[in-house]
C-alpha atoms as a PDB file:
ATOM      1  CA  UNK A   1     168.066  87.588 141.281  1.00  0.00           C
ATOM      2  CA  UNK A   2     169.169  87.553 144.884  1.00  0.00           C
ATOM      3  CA  UNK A   3     171.513  84.600 144.434  1.00  0.00           C
ATOM      4  CA  UNK A   4     175.092  84.560 145.628  1.00  0.00           C
ATOM      5  CA  UNK A   5     177.889  83.320 143.351  1.00  0.00           C
ATOM      6  CA  UNK A   6     177.760  79.748 144.640  1.00  0.00           C
ATOM      7  CA  UNK A   7     173.987  79.556 144.187  1.00  0.00           C
ATOM      8  CA  UNK A   8     174.172  81.005 140.680  1.00  0.00           C
ATOM      9  CA  UNK A   9     176.911  78.559 139.686  1.00  0.00           C
ATOM     10  CA  UNK A  10     174.729  75.737 140.991  1.00  0.00           C
ATOM     11  CA  UNK A  11     171.710  76.997 139.005  1.00  0.00           C
ATOM     12  CA  UNK A  12     173.879  77.029 135.866  1.00  0.00           C
ATOM     13  CA  UNK A  13     175.376  73.638 136.734  1.00  0.00           C
ATOM     14  CA  UNK A  14     178.880  75.005 136.366  1.00  0.00           C
ATOM     15  CA  UNK A  15     181.878  74.965 138.714  1.00  0.00           C
ATOM     16  CA  UNK A  16     182.047  77.875 141.128  1.00  0.00           C
ATOM     17  CA  UNK A  17     185.519  78.914 139.909  1.00  0.00           C
ATOM     18  CA  UNK A  18     184.312  78.981 136.293  1.00  0.00           C
ATOM     19  CA  UNK A  19     181.399  81.201 137.292  1.00  0.00           C
ATOM     20  CA  UNK A  20     183.798  83.530 139.106  1.00  0.00           C
ATOM     21  CA  UNK A  21     185.922  83.771 135.937  1.00  0.00           C
ATOM     22  CA  UNK A  22     182.836  84.653 133.888  1.00  0.00           C
ATOM     23  CA  UNK A  23     181.735  87.287 136.350  1.00  0.00           C
ATOM     24  CA  UNK A  24     185.192  88.879 136.545  1.00  0.00           C
ATOM     25  CA  UNK A  25     185.620  88.853 132.763  1.00  0.00           C
ATOM     26  CA  UNK A  26     188.620  86.513 132.867  1.00  0.00           C
ATOM     27  CA  UNK A  27     186.718  83.977 130.798  1.00  0.00           C
ATOM     28  CA  UNK A  28     184.033  84.514 128.160  1.00  0.00           C
ATOM     29  CA  UNK A  29     180.557  83.261 129.039  1.00  0.00           C
ATOM     30  CA  UNK A  30     179.414  80.546 126.592  1.00  0.00           C
ATOM     31  CA  UNK A  31     176.329  81.492 124.592  1.00  0.00           C
ATOM     32  CA  UNK A  32     174.258  78.671 126.032  1.00  0.00           C
ATOM     33  CA  UNK A  33     174.928  79.964 129.551  1.00  0.00           C
ATOM     34  CA  UNK A  34     173.968  83.487 128.559  1.00  0.00           C
ATOM     35  CA  UNK A  35     170.655  82.122 127.327  1.00  0.00           C
ATOM     36  CA  UNK A  36     170.221  80.143 130.555  1.00  0.00           C
ATOM     37  CA  UNK A  37     170.771  83.280 132.640  1.00  0.00           C
ATOM     38  CA  UNK A  38     168.267  85.198 130.530  1.00  0.00           C
ATOM     39  CA  UNK A  39     165.719  82.410 131.046  1.00  0.00           C
ATOM     40  CA  UNK A  40     166.374  82.388 134.802  1.00  0.00           C
ATOM     41  CA  UNK A  41     165.766  86.145 134.904  1.00  0.00           C
ATOM     42  CA  UNK A  42     162.511  85.778 132.969  1.00  0.00           C
ATOM     43  CA  UNK A  43     161.409  82.968 135.294  1.00  0.00           C
ATOM     44  CA  UNK A  44     162.360  85.044 138.346  1.00  0.00           C
ATOM     45  CA  UNK A  45     160.372  88.067 137.112  1.00  0.00           C
ATOM     46  CA  UNK A  46     157.382  85.900 136.206  1.00  0.00           C
ATOM     47  CA  UNK A  47     157.404  84.173 139.597  1.00  0.00           C
ATOM     48  CA  UNK A  48     157.732  87.470 141.461  1.00  0.00           C
ATOM     49  CA  UNK A  49     154.814  88.921 139.487  1.00  0.00           C
ATOM     50  CA  UNK A  50     152.644  85.872 140.264  1.00  0.00           C
ATOM     51  CA  UNK A  51     153.437  86.099 143.986  1.00  0.00           C
ATOM     52  CA  UNK A  52     152.511  89.806 144.015  1.00  0.00           C
ATOM     53  CA  UNK A  53     149.271  89.125 142.127  1.00  0.00           C
ATOM     54  CA  UNK A  54     148.313  86.351 144.565  1.00  0.00           C
ATOM     55  CA  UNK A  55     149.140  88.492 147.592  1.00  0.00           C
ATOM     56  CA  UNK A  56     147.084  91.372 146.175  1.00  0.00           C
ATOM     57  CA  UNK A  57     144.028  89.134 145.759  1.00  0.00           C
ATOM     58  CA  UNK A  58     144.298  87.877 149.347  1.00  0.00           C
ATOM     59  CA  UNK A  59     144.364  91.358 150.917  1.00  0.00           C
END
């Protein structure tokens, strides 16, 4: 998604250290956060696609 760890933790509204633990495997990611990440990825792909479509129409 192009986010660094601090930005991703902020998007998930979770402490940075907790996010680090999830990413390193020291702590299991709660199901609700897994769903949130999946939704962020879907939103990111959708937004990217819309930007490309708009840019293609303007060329």
